[in-house]
Protein backbone atom coordinates (compact mmCIF):
# COMPACT_ATOMS: atom_id res chain seq x y z
CA MET A 1 81.36 -20.26 46.34
CA LEU A 2 81.53 -17.01 44.67
CA ILE A 3 77.30 -15.54 44.60
CA SER A 4 75.08 -16.65 41.90
CA GLY A 5 72.16 -15.79 40.48
CA SER A 6 70.84 -19.89 41.76
CA THR A 7 72.10 -19.16 44.91
CA LEU A 8 70.51 -15.95 45.49
CA PHE A 9 67.07 -17.53 44.40
CA ILE A 10 67.57 -19.76 47.61
CA VAL A 11 68.24 -16.79 49.49
CA VAL A 12 65.08 -15.11 48.45
CA ALA A 13 62.83 -18.41 48.91
CA ALA A 14 64.70 -18.92 52.74
CA LEU A 15 63.21 -15.46 52.99
CA ALA A 16 59.79 -16.44 51.67
CA PHE A 17 59.48 -19.44 53.27
CA ASP A 18 60.60 -18.11 56.79
CA ALA A 19 58.12 -15.49 56.23
CA LEU A 20 55.47 -17.70 55.72
CA ILE A 21 56.14 -20.68 57.68
CA GLY A 22 58.25 -19.53 60.23
CA ASP A 23 59.97 -22.27 62.92
CA PRO A 24 56.56 -24.27 63.51
CA ASP A 25 56.26 -25.34 67.11
CA TRP A 26 54.85 -28.56 65.99
CA LEU A 27 57.33 -29.71 63.98
CA TRP A 28 60.20 -28.58 66.66
CA ARG A 29 57.98 -30.35 69.62
CA ARG A 30 58.74 -33.59 68.03
CA LEU A 31 62.13 -33.17 66.04
CA ALA A 32 65.78 -31.58 67.37
CA HIS A 33 66.04 -28.40 65.94
CA PRO A 34 69.74 -28.49 63.88
CA VAL A 35 70.68 -25.24 66.45
CA THR A 36 69.75 -27.55 69.37
CA LEU A 37 72.04 -30.28 68.00
CA PHE A 38 74.23 -27.57 68.11
CA GLY A 39 74.01 -26.82 71.64
CA VAL A 40 74.29 -30.40 72.54
CA ALA A 41 77.73 -30.53 70.84
CA ILE A 42 78.77 -27.22 71.77
CA GLY A 43 77.71 -28.67 75.72
CA TRP A 44 79.64 -32.31 74.98
CA LEU A 45 83.19 -29.94 74.01
CA ASP A 46 82.55 -27.82 77.12
CA ARG A 47 81.89 -30.61 79.91
CA THR A 48 85.33 -32.26 77.91
CA LEU A 49 87.82 -29.58 76.92
CA ASN A 50 86.78 -26.98 79.48
CA ARG A 51 89.09 -28.74 82.40
CA GLU A 52 89.69 -26.39 85.34
CA ASP A 53 92.78 -27.89 86.27
CA TRP A 54 94.26 -26.87 82.87
CA SER A 55 95.98 -23.55 82.42
CA PRO A 56 94.43 -20.63 80.75
CA GLU A 57 96.73 -20.86 78.04
CA GLN A 58 95.31 -24.26 77.51
CA ARG A 59 91.80 -24.13 77.70
CA LYS A 60 92.21 -21.48 75.47
CA TRP A 61 93.84 -24.04 72.68
CA ALA A 62 90.91 -26.25 73.38
CA GLY A 63 88.59 -23.34 72.83
CA ILE A 64 89.65 -22.38 69.50
CA ALA A 65 89.79 -26.31 68.86
CA SER A 66 85.98 -26.55 69.47
CA VAL A 67 85.32 -23.73 67.77
CA VAL A 68 87.20 -25.75 64.58
CA MET A 69 85.47 -28.23 64.50
CA ILE A 70 81.65 -27.26 65.32
CA VAL A 71 82.37 -24.78 62.29
CA THR A 72 83.61 -27.84 60.14
CA ALA A 73 80.91 -30.08 61.05
CA ALA A 74 78.56 -27.75 60.18
CA GLU A 75 80.20 -26.43 57.06
CA LEU A 76 80.45 -30.12 55.68
CA VAL A 77 76.63 -30.90 56.61
CA GLY A 78 76.13 -27.82 54.27
CA LEU A 79 78.13 -29.07 51.34
CA LEU A 80 76.77 -32.24 51.58
CA LEU A 81 73.22 -31.14 51.58
CA GLN A 82 73.61 -28.19 48.56
CA ILE A 83 75.33 -30.67 46.78
CA GLY A 84 72.84 -33.00 46.92
CA LEU A 85 70.19 -30.63 45.85
CA HIS A 86 71.83 -28.27 43.99
CA ARG A 87 70.64 -29.36 40.86
CA SER A 88 67.06 -28.49 39.82
CA PHE A 89 64.44 -25.76 40.36
CA ALA A 90 62.94 -28.25 42.85
CA GLY A 91 66.21 -29.09 44.84
CA ASN A 92 67.07 -25.53 45.33
CA MET A 93 63.52 -25.22 46.65
CA VAL A 94 64.54 -28.15 49.35
CA LEU A 95 67.59 -25.84 49.81
CA GLY A 96 65.80 -22.88 50.56
CA LEU A 97 63.30 -24.84 53.00
CA ILE A 98 66.09 -25.69 55.22
CA ALA A 99 67.99 -22.12 55.08
CA SER A 100 64.28 -21.11 56.47
CA ILE A 101 64.86 -22.74 59.58
CA PHE A 102 67.93 -21.01 60.02
CA ILE A 103 66.46 -17.13 59.32
CA ALA A 104 64.74 -16.06 62.31
CA GLN A 105 62.21 -13.63 60.76
CA ARG A 106 58.78 -14.26 61.34
CA SER A 107 59.62 -15.87 65.17
CA LEU A 108 61.73 -12.88 66.24
CA TYR A 109 58.60 -10.68 65.27
CA GLN A 110 56.03 -13.29 66.72
CA HIS A 111 58.74 -13.08 70.59
CA VAL A 112 58.86 -9.28 70.31
CA ALA A 113 55.24 -9.06 69.89
CA ARG A 114 54.31 -11.00 72.90
CA VAL A 115 55.88 -8.44 74.66
CA ARG A 116 53.12 -5.94 73.22
CA GLU A 117 50.32 -7.94 73.77
CA ALA A 118 51.19 -8.61 77.52
CA PHE A 119 50.87 -5.10 78.28
CA ALA A 120 47.74 -5.11 75.96
CA GLN A 121 45.59 -8.30 78.24
CA GLY A 122 47.07 -7.33 81.26
CA GLY A 123 46.30 -3.96 80.99
CA LEU A 124 48.47 -0.53 81.58
CA ASP A 125 49.02 -1.39 85.41
CA GLN A 126 50.96 -4.07 87.62
CA GLY A 127 49.35 -7.49 85.89
CA GLY A 128 50.11 -5.57 82.85
CA LEU A 129 53.68 -5.56 83.77
CA VAL A 130 54.18 -8.79 85.36
CA ALA A 131 53.28 -10.35 82.62
CA ALA A 132 55.49 -8.13 79.82
CA ARG A 133 58.17 -8.92 82.40
CA GLN A 134 57.59 -12.34 81.56
CA SER A 135 57.26 -12.22 77.56
CA VAL A 136 60.91 -10.05 77.35
CA SER A 137 62.72 -12.34 80.04
CA MET A 138 62.50 -15.06 77.09
CA ILE A 139 64.39 -12.79 74.75
CA VAL A 140 66.48 -10.99 76.89
CA GLY A 141 69.09 -11.92 79.48
CA ARG A 142 68.47 -9.04 81.81
CA ASP A 143 67.23 -9.36 84.93
CA PRO A 144 63.41 -8.63 84.04
CA GLU A 145 62.29 -7.70 88.03
CA LEU A 146 64.71 -5.14 87.54
CA LEU A 147 62.23 -3.40 84.35
CA ASP A 148 59.60 -0.86 85.06
CA GLU A 149 57.47 -0.44 81.67
CA ALA A 150 60.06 1.78 80.23
CA GLY A 151 62.64 -0.59 80.82
CA VAL A 152 60.49 -3.68 79.69
CA CYS A 153 59.39 -1.77 75.88
CA ARG A 154 63.54 -0.85 75.47
CA ALA A 155 64.08 -4.23 75.90
CA ALA A 156 61.84 -5.34 73.48
CA ILE A 157 63.26 -3.11 71.09
CA GLU A 158 66.64 -3.59 71.59
CA SER A 159 66.02 -7.10 71.12
CA CYS A 160 64.65 -6.66 68.14
CA ALA A 161 67.27 -4.60 67.11
CA GLU A 162 70.00 -6.94 67.97
CA ASN A 163 68.33 -9.94 66.40
CA PHE A 164 67.37 -8.54 63.35
CA SER A 165 71.40 -8.57 62.56
CA ASP A 166 72.32 -11.21 64.05
CA GLY A 167 69.15 -13.87 62.96
CA VAL A 168 68.16 -12.67 60.14
CA VAL A 169 70.46 -10.20 58.24
CA ALA A 170 73.77 -12.25 58.95
CA PRO A 171 72.76 -15.49 58.05
CA VAL A 172 70.81 -14.43 54.66
CA PHE A 173 73.89 -13.01 54.00
CA TRP A 174 76.34 -16.11 54.63
CA LEU A 175 73.76 -17.99 52.74
CA ALA A 176 74.02 -15.52 49.57
CA LEU A 177 77.56 -15.32 49.64
CA LEU A 178 78.68 -18.80 50.79
CA GLY A 179 75.62 -20.82 50.09
CA LEU A 180 74.18 -23.32 52.86
CA PRO A 181 77.74 -23.96 53.90
CA GLY A 182 78.65 -20.76 54.94
CA LEU A 183 74.77 -20.43 56.17
CA ILE A 184 75.03 -23.10 58.92
CA ALA A 185 78.61 -22.53 59.60
CA TYR A 186 77.18 -18.78 60.75
CA LYS A 187 74.71 -20.51 63.07
CA ALA A 188 77.19 -23.33 64.57
CA ILE A 189 79.65 -19.84 65.22
CA ASN A 190 76.42 -17.75 66.91
CA THR A 191 75.07 -20.55 69.21
CA ALA A 192 78.62 -21.26 70.23
CA ASP A 193 79.11 -17.40 71.67
CA SER A 194 75.88 -17.26 72.97
CA MET A 195 76.51 -20.55 75.18
CA ILE A 196 80.58 -20.30 75.85
CA GLY A 197 81.26 -16.87 74.36
CA HIS A 198 81.15 -15.17 77.92
CA HIS A 199 83.13 -12.63 80.14
CA ASN A 200 83.43 -14.47 83.38
CA GLU A 201 85.99 -17.06 85.12
CA ARG A 202 84.59 -20.11 83.36
CA TYR A 203 84.52 -18.84 79.64
CA GLU A 204 87.08 -15.88 79.77
CA SER A 205 89.69 -18.58 77.80
CA PHE A 206 87.64 -20.95 76.61
CA GLY A 207 85.05 -19.05 74.58
CA TRP A 208 87.61 -16.69 73.53
CA ALA A 209 87.94 -18.32 69.44
CA ALA A 210 83.76 -18.33 69.76
CA ALA A 211 83.43 -14.45 70.92
CA ARG A 212 85.96 -12.86 68.37
CA LEU A 213 84.65 -14.92 65.52
CA ASP A 214 81.45 -14.27 66.00
CA ASP A 215 82.38 -10.66 66.34
CA LEU A 216 84.21 -11.15 63.03
CA VAL A 217 81.49 -12.73 61.41
CA ASN A 218 79.07 -9.78 62.23
CA LEU A 219 80.91 -7.16 61.22
CA ILE A 220 79.65 -6.63 57.87
CA PRO A 221 75.98 -7.80 58.82
CA ALA A 222 75.52 -5.20 61.66
CA ARG A 223 76.75 -2.65 59.58
CA LEU A 224 74.64 -3.58 56.76
CA SER A 225 71.64 -4.35 59.13
CA ALA A 226 71.93 -0.21 60.79
CA LEU A 227 71.16 0.99 56.95
CA LEU A 228 68.64 -1.52 56.06
CA LEU A 229 66.78 0.13 59.34
CA ALA A 230 67.71 3.73 58.07
CA ILE A 231 66.29 3.75 54.83
CA SER A 232 63.01 1.93 56.55
CA ALA A 233 62.45 4.65 58.44
CA PRO A 234 59.89 6.37 57.34
CA VAL A 235 57.41 3.67 58.12
CA ALA A 236 57.67 4.25 61.73
CA GLY A 237 57.11 7.89 61.73
CA GLY A 238 61.18 8.69 61.48
CA SER A 239 63.99 10.13 59.42
CA ILE A 240 66.35 8.32 57.31
CA GLY A 241 68.68 11.23 57.83
CA THR A 242 68.15 11.07 61.57
CA SER A 243 68.70 7.58 61.88
CA LEU A 244 71.81 7.45 60.36
CA SER A 245 73.35 10.53 61.84
CA VAL A 246 72.53 8.53 65.22
CA VAL A 247 74.37 5.51 63.69
CA LYS A 248 77.60 7.58 62.68
CA ARG A 249 77.32 8.96 66.24
CA ASP A 250 76.52 6.51 68.25
CA ALA A 251 77.28 2.75 67.43
CA ALA A 252 80.62 2.88 68.59
CA LYS A 253 79.59 3.44 71.94
CA HIS A 254 78.33 -0.03 72.53
CA ARG A 255 80.09 -2.10 74.23
CA SER A 256 79.75 -4.66 71.22
CA PRO A 257 81.22 -3.62 68.28
CA ASN A 258 78.46 -4.94 66.69
CA ALA A 259 75.28 -4.55 68.12
CA GLY A 260 75.25 -0.84 68.50
CA TRP A 261 74.59 -0.64 64.62
CA PRO A 262 71.22 -1.32 64.79
CA GLU A 263 70.82 -0.09 68.20
CA SER A 264 71.54 2.70 66.94
CA ALA A 265 69.89 2.46 63.80
CA MET A 266 66.55 1.81 65.98
CA ALA A 267 67.01 4.14 68.47
CA GLY A 268 67.12 7.10 66.00
CA ALA A 269 64.39 5.75 63.74
CA LEU A 270 61.86 5.35 66.53
CA GLY A 271 62.99 8.92 68.71
CA LEU A 272 64.22 7.06 71.33
CA ALA A 273 67.09 6.49 74.05
CA LEU A 274 68.15 3.02 73.75
CA ALA A 275 70.89 0.72 75.74
CA GLY A 276 72.04 2.96 78.15
CA PRO A 277 72.91 0.97 81.90
CA ARG A 278 70.97 -1.99 82.78
CA GLY A 279 70.72 -4.74 85.22
CA TYR A 280 71.57 -8.63 85.02
CA PRO A 281 71.50 -11.32 87.22
CA GLY A 282 74.36 -10.33 89.63
CA TYR A 283 75.27 -7.80 88.40
CA VAL A 284 74.66 -4.17 85.98
CA VAL A 285 76.40 -2.90 83.26
CA ASP A 286 76.68 1.22 83.73
CA ASP A 287 76.65 1.47 79.60
CA PRO A 288 75.83 4.94 78.07
CA PHE A 289 72.70 5.64 76.08
CA LEU A 290 72.39 5.46 72.23
CA ASN A 291 70.49 8.35 71.33
CA ALA A 292 70.80 9.97 74.67
CA GLY A 293 69.25 13.13 73.71
CA ALA A 294 65.93 11.12 73.23
CA ARG A 295 62.81 10.14 74.70
CA LYS A 296 63.99 7.48 77.59
CA ASP A 297 60.31 6.16 78.69
CA ALA A 298 59.42 4.00 76.19
CA VAL A 299 55.78 3.19 75.79
CA PRO A 300 53.90 -0.52 74.82
CA ASP A 301 52.84 1.79 71.48
CA ASP A 302 57.50 1.66 70.47
CA ILE A 303 57.36 -1.90 70.21
CA GLY A 304 54.82 -1.47 67.50
CA ARG A 305 56.50 0.68 66.05
CA ALA A 306 59.80 -1.42 66.06
CA LEU A 307 57.66 -4.26 64.95
CA ASP A 308 56.99 -1.93 61.79
CA LEU A 309 60.35 -0.76 61.08
CA MET A 310 61.97 -4.67 61.27
CA ALA A 311 58.68 -6.20 59.10
CA ALA A 312 59.70 -2.83 56.53
CA ALA A 313 63.61 -3.52 56.69
CA CYS A 314 62.90 -6.99 56.15
CA GLY A 315 60.68 -6.23 52.99
CA ALA A 316 63.84 -4.23 51.89
CA GLU A 317 66.15 -6.79 52.44
CA ALA A 318 64.16 -9.44 50.33
CA VAL A 319 63.77 -6.78 47.34
CA PHE A 320 67.59 -6.54 47.65
CA TYR A 321 68.50 -10.04 46.70
CA ALA A 322 64.98 -10.39 44.37
CA VAL A 323 66.88 -7.57 42.51
CA LEU A 324 70.22 -9.14 42.73
CA ALA A 325 69.56 -12.40 41.15
CA LEU A 326 67.99 -10.75 38.37
CA VAL A 327 71.03 -8.99 37.56
CA VAL A 328 73.59 -11.44 38.29
C-alpha cells in the first residue's frame, strides 16, 4: 500500500485514540490482547519446532519458517480488517481505534512514570529505592537488585528512549507505509524478537530470523526516533545541536544496531550518560557509555525530564503525520 491521505488519517486517529485511551486495564483483563495472542502462537511454534535433537541448521530453518508463518498470519488479519472497514469515515475511525491497540504512547509514559512516583511515595531512602526497583523491573530485563538510585533512574530513562522507538515510532511508521497489515506484521515481528531473538543456546539458531528481521524493520524508525527526540530537546532543557552531535558520535557504540539511536539522542538532550555496564540475571554486559563525559548520577527528576521529552516527541510525530496528511 502506498502512503495515502486516508491511511495518514488513520495514523493521526490512532495516535489520538492511544493518547486519550491507552490500554485500559479493565478491557484487557476480560479479553486477550492481540500481542498476547502473538505470544501464544510463537510459544507453540517454539515448543513444536525448536527441537533440541535437530542440528543448528535445521533449527535455523525452523525459526525462519516460524517467522514467515507468524508474519503472514498477522498481515492477513490486518488485510481482512482493512478491506472490510477502509470504505468510509466511520470505518477509518474504527481502523484508527484498532491501530491504537498496537501503539504504546500512553502505556509507556505510565510505566516509566511509576518509577519516578515510587521514589516520591517512598522517599529518597531505602524504602523508595526498593519500590522503584520493583517498578523498573516491569520495564527492563536487568537485575533490579544490582541497581542503586542512579542505576534505577538510568534504566527507566533508557527504557523510555528505546521503547519510544519500538513501541511508538516504529508501529506508526509501518502503519503509515503499509496500512494495518504493516502495523500488525511489525508487532508480530517485534513480539517474536522479544520471545525468541536471544543470543543463548536455545535461541541462537531458532531465533536468528526473528532477531535479524526485527533489526531490519527498526532501522528507519530508530533513526526517526532519534530525530524526534533531538528536535524536542529544548522541552527538557537540552540543546538540539548537542543531542544530534551525541547521536552522530555515539549511536553506533551500542551493541544494538538500533537502540543506540534513541538512547544517545535522549542522553544528549538530558545531559546524561546512559547505557554503559549493565547487570542482568546471571551475567553482566560491559558496554561503553553513550555521552560518556556527561553526568552519570541520574536522579528521579531526570525521569520526569525524560517523560517530558518523550511526550513532546510524540506530539512532534503527530504533527508531522497530520501535516503530511494534508499535503498527500
